[in-house]
Amino acid sequence: MGIQGTLTDMSVADLIQLNCQDRRTARLTIDNDGQQAVIWFKNGNIVHASLGSLDGEEVIYRILTWQHGKFDNEIDKEAPVTTVTRSWKSILLEGVKRLDEQSTEISQSKLDQMEVIPMATKKKGDLLAETLAELLQSSNDIDGAAVVGIDGLVYSINVPVGGLDETLVGAVGAAALGISKRSTEQLKRGAFTQTLVQADKGNIFVSQVDPETLFVALTGQGINLGMVFAEVRSTVTKLREIL
């Protein structure tokens, strides 16, 4: 049994992670504005992808930008050929990197039209970084934090030196939003605000700052959950004032 829906419910990255983390053998078909892309999975690995005459990894990089359309995820569907051998995590990380590079390719003419916006953007980035630094300095439980877009783009991050990959933090935050938002809607719990993921080595808090932005906080084991929830709420309030 598969699932169907739209890309407003789950993004392309969410769907890929869902199939891979659940180690599924499946066929994911996505229709977007007259284009149809198909991704095949085998035991949780991407093995083939096609979009018109294009096959392989490049298909995935192209459709990660799709924000509208319908999908049909069918279980136990075998791929006709193998065109992808790279791990799904490295593909998503490369995809996020490419999206980040594309977003910075702004023409000089547009910069001229923006006038004071570059300075305002720089100031906002500084304020985000200062807020995260103050949180980590004052908290006894939170040891990593980030402000990310709902597409996984990292706006500001503060994690231990030599620790987590920044793009991975953004991708995981976006994925958690997609799954949580879909769950709250299906179970009629209202609009998503926050989710907590607990594991044997620590916890991940993901909170919605505004419709386009998330706050991600990381902790270790044995924390005071009530205190962390309070710190997260306070930080989200400060971020809303900045954004």
C-alpha atoms as a PDB file:
ATOM      1  CA  MET A   1       0.000   0.000   0.000  1.00  0.00           C
ATOM      2  CA  GLY A   2       1.385   3.390  -0.985  1.00  0.00           C
ATOM      3  CA  ILE A   3       0.593   7.019  -0.246  1.00  0.00           C
ATOM      4  CA  GLN A   4      -0.554   9.882  -2.427  1.00  0.00           C
ATOM      5  CA  GLY A   5      -0.526  13.596  -1.841  1.00  0.00           C
ATOM      6  CA  THR A   6       0.856  16.938  -2.931  1.00  0.00           C
ATOM      7  CA  LEU A   7       4.225  18.597  -2.515  1.00  0.00           C
ATOM      8  CA  THR A   8       2.623  21.109  -0.162  1.00  0.00           C
ATOM      9  CA  ASP A   9       2.094  18.171   2.228  1.00  0.00           C
ATOM     10  CA  MET A  10       5.547  16.631   1.820  1.00  0.00           C
ATOM     11  CA  SER A  11       8.513  18.003  -0.101  1.00  0.00           C
ATOM     12  CA  VAL A  12      10.602  15.948  -2.522  1.00  0.00           C
ATOM     13  CA  ALA A  13      13.359  15.707   0.119  1.00  0.00           C
ATOM     14  CA  ASP A  14      10.821  14.500   2.719  1.00  0.00           C
ATOM     15  CA  LEU A  15       9.587  11.761   0.389  1.00  0.00           C
ATOM     16  CA  ILE A  16      13.107  10.575  -0.380  1.00  0.00           C
ATOM     17  CA  GLN A  17      14.016  10.411   3.320  1.00  0.00           C
ATOM     18  CA  LEU A  18      10.772   8.629   4.153  1.00  0.00           C
ATOM     19  CA  ASN A  19      11.470   5.828   1.663  1.00  0.00           C
ATOM     20  CA  CYS A  20      15.156   5.531   2.501  1.00  0.00           C
ATOM     21  CA  GLN A  21      14.870   5.645   6.285  1.00  0.00           C
ATOM     22  CA  ASP A  22      12.079   3.044   6.181  1.00  0.00           C
ATOM     23  CA  ARG A  23      14.271   0.894   3.849  1.00  0.00           C
ATOM     24  CA  ARG A  24      11.498   0.608   1.292  1.00  0.00           C
ATOM     25  CA  THR A  25      11.462  -0.847  -2.186  1.00  0.00           C
ATOM     26  CA  ALA A  26       9.171   1.564  -3.979  1.00  0.00           C
ATOM     27  CA  ARG A  27       8.419   3.763  -6.970  1.00  0.00           C
ATOM     28  CA  LEU A  28       7.824   7.470  -6.363  1.00  0.00           C
ATOM     29  CA  THR A  29       6.098   9.325  -9.209  1.00  0.00           C
ATOM     30  CA  ILE A  30       5.894  13.125  -9.097  1.00  0.00           C
ATOM     31  CA  ASP A  31       3.896  15.259 -11.539  1.00  0.00           C
ATOM     32  CA  ASN A  32       4.680  18.950 -11.730  1.00  0.00           C
ATOM     33  CA  ASP A  33       3.354  21.354 -14.361  1.00  0.00           C
ATOM     34  CA  GLY A  34       3.316  18.806 -17.185  1.00  0.00           C
ATOM     35  CA  GLN A  35       6.587  17.141 -16.164  1.00  0.00           C
ATOM     36  CA  GLN A  36       6.772  13.687 -14.592  1.00  0.00           C
ATOM     37  CA  ALA A  37       9.730  12.448 -12.578  1.00  0.00           C
ATOM     38  CA  VAL A  38      10.052   8.908 -11.238  1.00  0.00           C
ATOM     39  CA  ILE A  39      12.422   7.697  -8.497  1.00  0.00           C
ATOM     40  CA  TRP A  40      12.895   4.004  -7.691  1.00  0.00           C
ATOM     41  CA  PHE A  41      14.098   2.760  -4.307  1.00  0.00           C
ATOM     42  CA  LYS A  42      15.424  -0.666  -3.324  1.00  0.00           C
ATOM     43  CA  ASN A  43      15.886  -1.599   0.342  1.00  0.00           C
ATOM     44  CA  GLY A  44      16.157   2.066   1.265  1.00  0.00           C
ATOM     45  CA  ASN A  45      18.570   3.068  -1.488  1.00  0.00           C
ATOM     46  CA  ILE A  46      17.876   5.206  -4.554  1.00  0.00           C
ATOM     47  CA  VAL A  47      18.671   3.026  -7.555  1.00  0.00           C
ATOM     48  CA  HIS A  48      17.117   4.837 -10.505  1.00  0.00           C
ATOM     49  CA  ALA A  49      15.549   8.193 -11.400  1.00  0.00           C
ATOM     50  CA  SER A  50      14.120   9.506 -14.645  1.00  0.00           C
ATOM     51  CA  LEU A  51      12.694  12.783 -15.956  1.00  0.00           C
ATOM     52  CA  GLY A  52      11.905  12.763 -19.660  1.00  0.00           C
ATOM     53  CA  SER A  53      15.153  11.823 -21.422  1.00  0.00           C
ATOM     54  CA  LEU A  54      17.243  12.507 -18.298  1.00  0.00           C
ATOM     55  CA  ASP A  55      18.304   9.647 -15.984  1.00  0.00           C
ATOM     56  CA  GLY A  56      20.303   9.345 -12.752  1.00  0.00           C
ATOM     57  CA  GLU A  57      21.308  11.733  -9.967  1.00  0.00           C
ATOM     58  CA  GLU A  58      20.741  14.893 -12.001  1.00  0.00           C
ATOM     59  CA  VAL A  59      17.030  14.152 -12.004  1.00  0.00           C
ATOM     60  CA  ILE A  60      16.943  14.399  -8.211  1.00  0.00           C
ATOM     61  CA  TYR A  61      18.927  17.642  -8.124  1.00  0.00           C
ATOM     62  CA  ARG A  62      16.487  19.136 -10.615  1.00  0.00           C
ATOM     63  CA  ILE A  63      13.266  18.119  -8.868  1.00  0.00           C
ATOM     64  CA  LEU A  64      14.408  19.143  -5.373  1.00  0.00           C
ATOM     65  CA  THR A  65      13.367  22.657  -6.434  1.00  0.00           C
ATOM     66  CA  TRP A  66       9.791  21.540  -7.166  1.00  0.00           C
ATOM     67  CA  GLN A  67       7.335  23.014  -4.659  1.00  0.00           C
ATOM     68  CA  HIS A  68       4.042  22.218  -6.372  1.00  0.00           C
ATOM     69  CA  GLY A  69       2.592  19.074  -7.864  1.00  0.00           C
ATOM     70  CA  LYS A  70       1.233  15.648  -6.945  1.00  0.00           C
ATOM     71  CA  PHE A  71       3.014  12.476  -5.908  1.00  0.00           C
ATOM     72  CA  ASP A  72       2.176   8.775  -5.834  1.00  0.00           C
ATOM     73  CA  ASN A  73       4.425   6.552  -3.718  1.00  0.00           C
ATOM     74  CA  GLU A  74       3.876   2.865  -4.595  1.00  0.00           C
ATOM     75  CA  ILE A  75       5.398   0.105  -2.454  1.00  0.00           C
ATOM     76  CA  ASP A  76       7.160  -3.040  -3.751  1.00  0.00           C
ATOM     77  CA  LYS A  77       7.884  -1.695  -7.221  1.00  0.00           C
ATOM     78  CA  GLU A  78      11.207  -2.819  -8.702  1.00  0.00           C
ATOM     79  CA  ALA A  79      13.376  -0.497 -10.802  1.00  0.00           C
ATOM     80  CA  PRO A  80      13.866  -1.463 -14.470  1.00  0.00           C
ATOM     81  CA  VAL A  81      17.541  -0.398 -14.443  1.00  0.00           C
ATOM     82  CA  THR A  82      20.159   1.014 -12.047  1.00  0.00           C
ATOM     83  CA  THR A  83      21.390   4.536 -12.766  1.00  0.00           C
ATOM     84  CA  VAL A  84      22.139   5.754  -9.216  1.00  0.00           C
ATOM     85  CA  THR A  85      24.787   4.271  -6.927  1.00  0.00           C
ATOM     86  CA  ARG A  86      25.577   7.189  -4.613  1.00  0.00           C
ATOM     87  CA  SER A  87      24.085   7.161  -1.090  1.00  0.00           C
ATOM     88  CA  TRP A  88      20.815   9.030  -0.660  1.00  0.00           C
ATOM     89  CA  LYS A  89      22.250  11.173   2.145  1.00  0.00           C
ATOM     90  CA  SER A  90      25.120  12.436   0.012  1.00  0.00           C
ATOM     91  CA  ILE A  91      22.703  13.140  -2.849  1.00  0.00           C
ATOM     92  CA  LEU A  92      20.467  15.258  -0.595  1.00  0.00           C
ATOM     93  CA  LEU A  93      23.458  17.103   0.835  1.00  0.00           C
ATOM     94  CA  GLU A  94      24.723  17.855  -2.660  1.00  0.00           C
ATOM     95  CA  GLY A  95      21.221  18.983  -3.604  1.00  0.00           C
ATOM     96  CA  VAL A  96      21.033  21.382  -0.652  1.00  0.00           C
ATOM     97  CA  LYS A  97      24.471  22.726  -1.575  1.00  0.00           C
ATOM     98  CA  ARG A  98      23.355  23.383  -5.137  1.00  0.00           C
ATOM     99  CA  LEU A  99      20.185  25.116  -3.983  1.00  0.00           C
ATOM    100  CA  ASP A 100      22.282  27.304  -1.689  1.00  0.00           C
ATOM    101  CA  GLU A 101      24.624  28.218  -4.555  1.00  0.00           C
ATOM    102  CA  GLN A 102      21.701  29.035  -6.837  1.00  0.00           C
ATOM    103  CA  SER A 103      20.145  31.323  -4.226  1.00  0.00           C
ATOM    104  CA  THR A 104      23.350  33.404  -4.035  1.00  0.00           C
ATOM    105  CA  GLU A 105      23.599  33.939  -7.802  1.00  0.00           C
ATOM    106  CA  ILE A 106      21.937  37.365  -7.817  1.00  0.00           C
ATOM    107  CA  SER A 107      22.712  39.653 -10.731  1.00  0.00           C
ATOM    108  CA  GLN A 108      24.399  43.004 -10.118  1.00  0.00           C
ATOM    109  CA  SER A 109      21.385  44.794 -11.537  1.00  0.00           C
ATOM    110  CA  LYS A 110      19.161  43.257  -8.865  1.00  0.00           C
ATOM    111  CA  LEU A 111      21.663  44.224  -6.177  1.00  0.00           C
ATOM    112  CA  ASP A 112      21.529  47.819  -7.409  1.00  0.00           C
ATOM    113  CA  GLN A 113      17.751  47.769  -7.138  1.00  0.00           C
ATOM    114  CA  MET A 114      17.884  46.365  -3.609  1.00  0.00           C
ATOM    115  CA  GLU A 115      19.717  49.462  -2.308  1.00  0.00           C
ATOM    116  CA  VAL A 116      19.824  49.112   1.498  1.00  0.00           C
ATOM    117  CA  ILE A 117      18.636  45.493   1.646  1.00  0.00           C
ATOM    118  CA  PRO A 118      22.160  43.946   1.677  1.00  0.00           C
ATOM    119  CA  MET A 119      23.021  45.921   4.813  1.00  0.00           C
ATOM    120  CA  ALA A 120      19.719  44.959   6.441  1.00  0.00           C
ATOM    121  CA  THR A 121      20.319  41.298   5.585  1.00  0.00           C
ATOM    122  CA  LYS A 122      23.776  41.420   7.098  1.00  0.00           C
ATOM    123  CA  LYS A 123      22.429  42.984  10.285  1.00  0.00           C
ATOM    124  CA  LYS A 124      19.710  40.342  10.534  1.00  0.00           C
ATOM    125  CA  GLY A 125      22.292  37.570  10.140  1.00  0.00           C
ATOM    126  CA  ASP A 126      24.402  39.078  12.913  1.00  0.00           C
ATOM    127  CA  LEU A 127      21.382  39.269  15.198  1.00  0.00           C
ATOM    128  CA  LEU A 128      20.494  35.630  14.539  1.00  0.00           C
ATOM    129  CA  ALA A 129      24.061  34.546  15.301  1.00  0.00           C
ATOM    130  CA  GLU A 130      24.121  36.596  18.501  1.00  0.00           C
ATOM    131  CA  THR A 131      20.806  35.108  19.661  1.00  0.00           C
ATOM    132  CA  LEU A 132      22.063  31.544  19.162  1.00  0.00           C
ATOM    133  CA  ALA A 133      25.372  32.314  20.886  1.00  0.00           C
ATOM    134  CA  GLU A 134      23.584  33.818  23.892  1.00  0.00           C
ATOM    135  CA  LEU A 135      21.287  30.792  24.128  1.00  0.00           C
ATOM    136  CA  LEU A 136      24.135  28.282  24.146  1.00  0.00           C
ATOM    137  CA  GLN A 137      26.092  30.337  26.673  1.00  0.00           C
ATOM    138  CA  SER A 138      23.179  30.610  29.106  1.00  0.00           C
ATOM    139  CA  SER A 139      21.684  27.117  28.706  1.00  0.00           C
ATOM    140  CA  ASN A 140      22.896  24.115  30.661  1.00  0.00           C
ATOM    141  CA  ASP A 141      21.131  21.693  28.336  1.00  0.00           C
ATOM    142  CA  ILE A 142      21.159  23.002  24.756  1.00  0.00           C
ATOM    143  CA  ASP A 143      24.498  22.347  23.058  1.00  0.00           C
ATOM    144  CA  GLY A 144      23.621  23.180  19.451  1.00  0.00           C
ATOM    145  CA  ALA A 145      21.102  25.400  17.658  1.00  0.00           C
ATOM    146  CA  ALA A 146      20.223  26.616  14.183  1.00  0.00           C
ATOM    147  CA  VAL A 147      17.804  28.834  12.298  1.00  0.00           C
ATOM    148  CA  VAL A 148      16.832  27.226   8.998  1.00  0.00           C
ATOM    149  CA  GLY A 149      14.337  27.740   6.195  1.00  0.00           C
ATOM    150  CA  ILE A 150      11.523  25.288   5.573  1.00  0.00           C
ATOM    151  CA  ASP A 151      13.477  24.229   2.458  1.00  0.00           C
ATOM    152  CA  GLY A 152      16.469  23.216   4.610  1.00  0.00           C
ATOM    153  CA  LEU A 153      18.618  26.284   3.867  1.00  0.00           C
ATOM    154  CA  VAL A 154      20.660  27.229   6.956  1.00  0.00           C
ATOM    155  CA  TYR A 155      20.410  30.912   7.920  1.00  0.00           C
ATOM    156  CA  SER A 156      22.471  30.731  11.110  1.00  0.00           C
ATOM    157  CA  ILE A 157      23.963  27.853  13.091  1.00  0.00           C
ATOM    158  CA  ASN A 158      25.983  27.295  16.246  1.00  0.00           C
ATOM    159  CA  VAL A 159      27.179  23.745  16.858  1.00  0.00           C
ATOM    160  CA  PRO A 160      30.376  22.382  18.474  1.00  0.00           C
ATOM    161  CA  VAL A 161      33.521  22.757  16.377  1.00  0.00           C
ATOM    162  CA  GLY A 162      34.111  19.599  14.371  1.00  0.00           C
ATOM    163  CA  GLY A 163      30.556  18.504  15.084  1.00  0.00           C
ATOM    164  CA  LEU A 164      27.582  18.158  12.738  1.00  0.00           C
ATOM    165  CA  ASP A 165      27.455  19.013   9.057  1.00  0.00           C
ATOM    166  CA  GLU A 166      25.543  22.309   8.751  1.00  0.00           C
ATOM    167  CA  THR A 167      23.601  21.261   5.651  1.00  0.00           C
ATOM    168  CA  LEU A 168      22.509  18.059   7.378  1.00  0.00           C
ATOM    169  CA  VAL A 169      21.031  20.035  10.286  1.00  0.00           C
ATOM    170  CA  GLY A 170      19.000  22.077   7.820  1.00  0.00           C
ATOM    171  CA  ALA A 171      17.841  19.025   5.858  1.00  0.00           C
ATOM    172  CA  VAL A 172      16.764  17.186   9.008  1.00  0.00           C
ATOM    173  CA  GLY A 173      14.885  20.240  10.303  1.00  0.00           C
ATOM    174  CA  ALA A 174      12.972  20.562   7.031  1.00  0.00           C
ATOM    175  CA  ALA A 175      12.207  16.841   6.980  1.00  0.00           C
ATOM    176  CA  ALA A 176      10.906  16.911  10.556  1.00  0.00           C
ATOM    177  CA  LEU A 177       8.644  19.830   9.648  1.00  0.00           C
ATOM    178  CA  GLY A 178       7.215  18.005   6.646  1.00  0.00           C
ATOM    179  CA  ILE A 179       6.396  14.816   8.512  1.00  0.00           C
ATOM    180  CA  SER A 180       5.073  16.619  11.611  1.00  0.00           C
ATOM    181  CA  LYS A 181       2.948  19.052   9.637  1.00  0.00           C
ATOM    182  CA  ARG A 182       1.397  16.247   7.643  1.00  0.00           C
ATOM    183  CA  SER A 183       0.709  14.261  10.823  1.00  0.00           C
ATOM    184  CA  THR A 184      -1.005  17.144  12.641  1.00  0.00           C
ATOM    185  CA  GLU A 185      -3.179  17.855   9.613  1.00  0.00           C
ATOM    186  CA  GLN A 186      -4.198  14.223   9.092  1.00  0.00           C
ATOM    187  CA  LEU A 187      -5.039  13.723  12.768  1.00  0.00           C
ATOM    188  CA  LYS A 188      -6.823  17.079  12.906  1.00  0.00           C
ATOM    189  CA  ARG A 189      -4.595  18.557  15.635  1.00  0.00           C
ATOM    190  CA  GLY A 190      -4.424  21.995  14.052  1.00  0.00           C
ATOM    191  CA  ALA A 191      -1.396  23.900  12.775  1.00  0.00           C
ATOM    192  CA  PHE A 192       2.074  22.529  13.563  1.00  0.00           C
ATOM    193  CA  THR A 193       4.084  24.499  16.145  1.00  0.00           C
ATOM    194  CA  GLN A 194       6.778  22.213  17.587  1.00  0.00           C
ATOM    195  CA  THR A 195       8.074  18.646  17.624  1.00  0.00           C
ATOM    196  CA  LEU A 196      10.480  16.753  19.857  1.00  0.00           C
ATOM    197  CA  VAL A 197      12.523  13.791  18.611  1.00  0.00           C
ATOM    198  CA  GLN A 198      14.091  11.721  21.402  1.00  0.00           C
ATOM    199  CA  ALA A 199      16.952   9.267  20.931  1.00  0.00           C
ATOM    200  CA  ASP A 200      19.306   7.341  23.198  1.00  0.00           C
ATOM    201  CA  LYS A 201      22.072   9.950  22.778  1.00  0.00           C
ATOM    202  CA  GLY A 202      20.027  13.133  22.941  1.00  0.00           C
ATOM    203  CA  ASN A 203      17.089  15.130  21.625  1.00  0.00           C
ATOM    204  CA  ILE A 204      16.105  17.294  18.666  1.00  0.00           C
ATOM    205  CA  PHE A 205      13.622  20.160  19.086  1.00  0.00           C
ATOM    206  CA  VAL A 206      12.115  21.663  15.928  1.00  0.00           C
ATOM    207  CA  SER A 207       9.888  24.750  16.301  1.00  0.00           C
ATOM    208  CA  GLN A 208       8.167  26.915  13.705  1.00  0.00           C
ATOM    209  CA  VAL A 209       9.283  30.545  13.938  1.00  0.00           C
ATOM    210  CA  ASP A 210       7.202  31.805  11.013  1.00  0.00           C
ATOM    211  CA  PRO A 211       5.740  30.232   7.829  1.00  0.00           C
ATOM    212  CA  GLU A 212       9.194  30.173   6.192  1.00  0.00           C
ATOM    213  CA  THR A 213      11.546  29.597   9.139  1.00  0.00           C
ATOM    214  CA  LEU A 214      12.356  26.926  11.734  1.00  0.00           C
ATOM    215  CA  PHE A 215      14.383  26.841  14.937  1.00  0.00           C
ATOM    216  CA  VAL A 216      16.314  23.643  15.670  1.00  0.00           C
ATOM    217  CA  ALA A 217      17.809  22.916  19.110  1.00  0.00           C
ATOM    218  CA  LEU A 218      20.016  19.932  20.006  1.00  0.00           C
ATOM    219  CA  THR A 219      20.574  18.502  23.493  1.00  0.00           C
ATOM    220  CA  GLY A 220      22.292  15.573  25.146  1.00  0.00           C
ATOM    221  CA  GLN A 221      20.812  13.012  27.536  1.00  0.00           C
ATOM    222  CA  GLY A 222      19.464  13.647  31.037  1.00  0.00           C
ATOM    223  CA  ILE A 223      18.174  17.140  30.409  1.00  0.00           C
ATOM    224  CA  ASN A 224      15.455  19.111  32.138  1.00  0.00           C
ATOM    225  CA  LEU A 225      12.758  18.946  29.445  1.00  0.00           C
ATOM    226  CA  GLY A 226      10.621  21.632  31.037  1.00  0.00           C
ATOM    227  CA  MET A 227      13.545  24.053  31.148  1.00  0.00           C
ATOM    228  CA  VAL A 228      14.508  23.337  27.533  1.00  0.00           C
ATOM    229  CA  PHE A 229      10.948  23.864  26.320  1.00  0.00           C
ATOM    230  CA  ALA A 230      10.948  27.238  28.107  1.00  0.00           C
ATOM    231  CA  GLU A 231      14.307  28.179  26.558  1.00  0.00           C
ATOM    232  CA  VAL A 232      13.097  27.153  23.111  1.00  0.00           C
ATOM    233  CA  ARG A 233       9.906  29.225  23.454  1.00  0.00           C
ATOM    234  CA  SER A 234      11.890  32.252  24.620  1.00  0.00           C
ATOM    235  CA  THR A 235      14.352  31.901  21.735  1.00  0.00           C
ATOM    236  CA  VAL A 236      11.569  31.524  19.162  1.00  0.00           C
ATOM    237  CA  THR A 237      10.005  34.755  20.455  1.00  0.00           C
ATOM    238  CA  LYS A 238      13.333  36.588  20.026  1.00  0.00           C
ATOM    239  CA  LEU A 239      13.790  35.155  16.524  1.00  0.00           C
ATOM    240  CA  ARG A 240      10.323  36.342  15.505  1.00  0.00           C
ATOM    241  CA  GLU A 241      11.256  39.876  16.542  1.00  0.00           C
ATOM    242  CA  ILE A 242      14.419  39.687  14.404  1.00  0.00           C
ATOM    243  CA  LEU A 243      12.742  38.152  11.355  1.00  0.00           C
END
